[in-house]
Every structure is written in structure tokens, then in C-alpha cells.
Amino acid sequence: MPRPRKDSSGGSSLSPGQASYVLDRMIAERRISLGEVNRYISEIHREISDLEARLSSLRSASGASAAAPSRGPGRPRGRRPGRPPGRPGRPPGRPPAAASAPAAAPAAPRRGRPPGGGVKRGRKRGGAALSPEQLASRQLQGRYLGLIRQIPASRRGQYQKTAKERGREAAIKEMQSALGK
């Protein structure tokens, strides 16, 4: 594998803005043509394919599955970290609107909660159903947390003490009166 050249200027690598400026200058001074730039850009996908083929052959040589990269030690199973691919409102695996055939009228992505007040119907995602007491406790905790975050940090202790001694309901009432709600 060829080694990268050392930077002869002695400085660090170019920032994206500097690289764009240098490329524009080289095209303007006819040191490099726009066709050459486009050729390099079009070779990106071929190079990615070559690298994926090389990785696949290395995985098969090491005995690991080519479809599933090996997990590191201590890495949990399940969904990989980070955001899922695609943008909100588009099912995974569906190509972007620009790559698919033009539709009659593009729909704007949905925003906000789904209709139905956020209550999921149909198949449950797992875990036991909440009892009415658990649901009420969680709703009360949500109201308590929503109010305590609006209180300055220097005054939160008194409301936390009230919640421990007299209950969250009393602390919520005190916070609402202090906030004028």
C-alpha cells in the first residue's frame, strides 16, 4: 500500500474551505480541468466497491461472516449506536426522493406526535403493561420534573425536601404557586 506523502510545507492538512479554494484556483489557472475533477469524483464509488471487496475477502480469510462485522468485546447486541439511516418520515430502505421516480406531489415529512395522543395501539414493544398506579406515578413524576427544571438550582433543594417529606403532590403545588402557574 502506498504511503501518503509528507506535507512539504511543514503545516497541517487543508481545511475543507482551503481545499475548495485551492481547487477553484487550480481550475481557474488551468492547472487541472473540470473533467479531471469529475473523473476523480466518479471514481469514488469504484474505490468504495474495491475496498468492500477487499474487506469481504479479509473477513472470509479470518473466518468471520462477511455480512455481519464482528462485535468488539463488551459490545451489546441489538441496534447499532447512532441515528438510523434515512430522514424522518421515510421508511428505512427506501431511496431518497431524488433517486426514485418523480411523484405527483411530494409530501412534507410529518412532524410532532402521531394522532391518538401518543398511545400506541397494536403490537406491544415489550415489557409488562403498566398498572394504573404505575402510570399515575410516572405522570406525577413527569409533572414534578417539568416544574423543578424551571426552578433556579439554588432553590431546588427546598422543593426536593418537600417532595421527600410530604410527597410530590405537595412539592408540585408549591412549585406551581412559586412559578405563578
Protein backbone atom coordinates (compact mmCIF):
# COMPACT_ATOMS: atom_id res chain seq x y z
CA MET A 1 0.00 0.00 0.00
CA PRO A 2 1.50 3.37 -0.94
CA ARG A 3 2.39 5.66 1.90
CA PRO A 4 0.97 9.17 1.98
CA ARG A 5 3.37 11.95 1.10
CA LYS A 6 4.75 14.12 3.83
CA ASP A 7 3.48 17.68 3.85
CA SER A 8 6.35 19.71 2.39
CA SER A 9 5.03 22.98 3.84
CA GLY A 10 5.54 21.68 7.38
CA GLY A 11 1.97 22.71 8.36
CA SER A 12 -1.16 20.71 8.91
CA SER A 13 -3.56 19.41 6.26
CA LEU A 14 -6.00 21.71 4.48
CA SER A 15 -9.39 22.56 5.91
CA PRO A 16 -12.41 21.87 3.65
CA GLY A 17 -12.65 25.59 2.88
CA GLN A 18 -8.98 25.81 1.96
CA ALA A 19 -9.23 22.70 -0.23
CA SER A 20 -12.19 24.21 -2.09
CA TYR A 21 -10.29 27.46 -2.61
CA VAL A 22 -7.18 25.66 -3.92
CA LEU A 23 -9.30 23.55 -6.28
CA ASP A 24 -11.10 26.62 -7.63
CA ARG A 25 -7.77 28.39 -8.18
CA MET A 26 -6.26 25.36 -9.96
CA ILE A 27 -9.27 25.17 -12.29
CA ALA A 28 -9.12 28.95 -12.94
CA GLU A 29 -5.38 28.77 -13.71
CA ARG A 30 -5.99 25.71 -15.94
CA ARG A 31 -3.61 23.54 -13.95
CA ILE A 32 -6.40 20.98 -13.61
CA SER A 33 -9.52 20.63 -15.73
CA LEU A 34 -13.08 20.29 -14.53
CA GLY A 35 -13.20 16.95 -16.39
CA GLU A 36 -10.35 15.60 -14.25
CA VAL A 37 -12.14 16.70 -11.07
CA ASN A 38 -15.34 14.99 -12.23
CA ARG A 39 -13.37 11.84 -13.11
CA TYR A 40 -11.96 11.67 -9.58
CA ILE A 41 -15.42 12.16 -8.13
CA SER A 42 -16.88 9.41 -10.33
CA GLU A 43 -14.15 7.01 -9.17
CA ILE A 44 -15.24 7.30 -5.53
CA HIS A 45 -17.91 4.58 -5.88
CA ARG A 46 -15.50 2.23 -7.66
CA GLU A 47 -12.91 2.70 -4.92
CA ILE A 48 -15.53 2.05 -2.24
CA SER A 49 -16.55 -1.16 -4.04
CA ASP A 50 -12.89 -2.26 -4.23
CA LEU A 51 -12.42 -1.61 -0.52
CA GLU A 52 -15.61 -3.52 0.35
CA ALA A 53 -14.47 -6.48 -1.77
CA ARG A 54 -11.08 -6.44 -0.02
CA LEU A 55 -12.77 -6.32 3.40
CA SER A 56 -15.02 -9.20 2.41
CA SER A 57 -12.06 -11.33 1.36
CA LEU A 58 -10.23 -10.49 4.61
CA ARG A 59 -13.30 -11.40 6.68
CA SER A 60 -13.70 -14.72 4.89
CA ALA A 61 -9.98 -15.44 5.37
CA SER A 62 -10.26 -14.74 9.10
CA GLY A 63 -13.36 -16.93 9.43
CA ALA A 64 -15.74 -14.07 10.24
CA SER A 65 -19.02 -13.62 8.40
CA ALA A 66 -18.83 -11.16 5.52
CA ALA A 67 -22.39 -9.95 6.12
CA ALA A 68 -22.01 -9.21 9.82
CA PRO A 69 -18.88 -7.46 11.08
CA SER A 70 -17.60 -8.96 14.30
CA ARG A 71 -18.60 -7.31 17.54
CA GLY A 72 -15.92 -6.00 19.78
CA PRO A 73 -15.59 -7.33 23.32
CA GLY A 74 -18.25 -5.97 25.63
CA ARG A 75 -20.35 -4.54 22.80
CA PRO A 76 -24.07 -5.17 23.38
CA ARG A 77 -26.20 -6.94 20.83
CA GLY A 78 -29.06 -5.18 19.11
CA ARG A 79 -29.32 -1.88 17.31
CA ARG A 80 -26.08 -0.18 16.42
CA PRO A 81 -25.38 3.20 18.03
CA GLY A 82 -26.31 6.40 16.26
CA ARG A 83 -29.24 7.60 14.22
CA PRO A 84 -31.00 5.17 11.91
CA PRO A 85 -30.39 5.74 8.20
CA GLY A 86 -32.75 7.98 6.25
CA ARG A 87 -34.68 11.00 7.31
CA PRO A 88 -37.82 11.13 9.45
CA GLY A 89 -40.96 10.25 7.54
CA ARG A 90 -39.27 7.83 5.16
CA PRO A 91 -39.28 4.09 5.82
CA PRO A 92 -35.80 2.53 6.09
CA GLY A 93 -34.52 1.00 2.88
CA ARG A 94 -36.48 3.36 0.66
CA PRO A 95 -34.30 5.53 -1.59
CA PRO A 96 -34.38 9.33 -1.32
CA ALA A 97 -36.96 11.19 -3.39
CA ALA A 98 -34.28 12.40 -5.85
CA ALA A 99 -33.25 8.83 -6.70
CA SER A 100 -36.76 7.47 -7.19
CA ALA A 101 -39.22 8.29 -9.95
CA PRO A 102 -40.79 11.76 -9.61
CA ALA A 103 -44.08 11.68 -7.74
CA ALA A 104 -47.13 13.81 -8.47
CA ALA A 105 -46.80 15.91 -5.31
CA PRO A 106 -44.02 15.35 -2.76
CA ALA A 107 -45.37 15.04 0.77
CA ALA A 108 -43.73 17.03 3.53
CA PRO A 109 -42.26 14.93 6.35
CA ARG A 110 -44.57 14.55 9.33
CA ARG A 111 -43.72 16.47 12.45
CA GLY A 112 -44.88 16.12 16.02
CA ARG A 113 -46.68 13.26 17.73
CA PRO A 114 -48.76 10.77 15.81
CA PRO A 115 -52.53 11.06 16.11
CA GLY A 116 -54.08 9.28 19.06
CA GLY A 117 -52.45 11.16 21.92
CA GLY A 118 -49.23 9.18 21.74
CA VAL A 119 -50.93 5.94 22.83
CA LYS A 120 -49.52 3.04 20.80
CA ARG A 121 -52.05 0.55 19.54
CA GLY A 122 -51.36 -2.89 18.19
CA ARG A 123 -48.31 -4.97 18.98
CA LYS A 124 -46.51 -4.09 22.21
CA ARG A 125 -42.78 -3.44 22.06
CA GLY A 126 -42.02 -5.47 25.15
CA GLY A 127 -42.20 -5.31 28.87
CA ALA A 128 -45.21 -5.73 31.08
CA ALA A 129 -48.19 -3.40 30.88
CA LEU A 130 -48.23 -0.58 33.42
CA SER A 131 -50.72 -0.76 36.23
CA PRO A 132 -52.92 2.31 36.74
CA GLU A 133 -50.89 3.15 39.86
CA GLN A 134 -47.59 3.00 37.95
CA LEU A 135 -49.00 5.16 35.16
CA ALA A 136 -50.24 7.77 37.65
CA SER A 137 -46.87 7.75 39.43
CA ARG A 138 -44.98 8.27 36.18
CA GLN A 139 -47.28 11.10 35.11
CA LEU A 140 -46.83 12.76 38.50
CA GLN A 141 -43.05 12.36 38.22
CA GLY A 142 -43.16 13.94 34.77
CA ARG A 143 -45.02 16.97 36.10
CA TYR A 144 -42.60 17.22 39.04
CA LEU A 145 -39.54 17.10 36.76
CA GLY A 146 -41.07 19.59 34.32
CA LEU A 147 -41.56 22.10 37.13
CA ILE A 148 -38.30 21.51 39.04
CA ARG A 149 -36.29 22.29 35.89
CA GLN A 150 -37.86 25.74 35.81
CA ILE A 151 -36.75 26.47 39.38
CA PRO A 152 -33.27 28.00 39.85
CA ALA A 153 -30.72 25.46 41.07
CA SER A 154 -30.20 27.39 44.31
CA ARG A 155 -33.87 26.91 45.30
CA ARG A 156 -34.42 23.33 44.13
CA GLY A 157 -33.33 21.79 47.43
CA GLN A 158 -36.33 23.09 49.36
CA TYR A 159 -38.75 21.53 46.84
CA GLN A 160 -36.81 18.24 46.83
CA LYS A 161 -37.05 18.20 50.62
CA THR A 162 -40.80 18.86 50.43
CA ALA A 163 -41.19 16.01 47.91
CA LYS A 164 -39.39 13.60 50.26
CA GLU A 165 -41.21 14.66 53.42
CA ARG A 166 -44.74 15.48 52.25
CA GLY A 167 -44.86 13.92 48.76
CA ARG A 168 -44.52 15.02 45.16
CA GLU A 169 -48.07 16.42 45.03
CA ALA A 170 -47.25 18.98 47.75
CA ALA A 171 -43.97 19.88 46.05
CA ILE A 172 -45.79 20.33 42.73
CA LYS A 173 -48.33 22.67 44.35
CA GLU A 174 -45.56 24.75 45.92
CA MET A 175 -43.63 24.98 42.65
CA GLN A 176 -46.75 25.95 40.71
CA SER A 177 -47.52 28.76 43.14
CA ALA A 178 -43.88 29.92 43.07
CA LEU A 179 -43.87 29.94 39.26
CA GLY A 180 -47.33 31.55 39.07
CA LYS A 181 -48.94 28.64 37.27
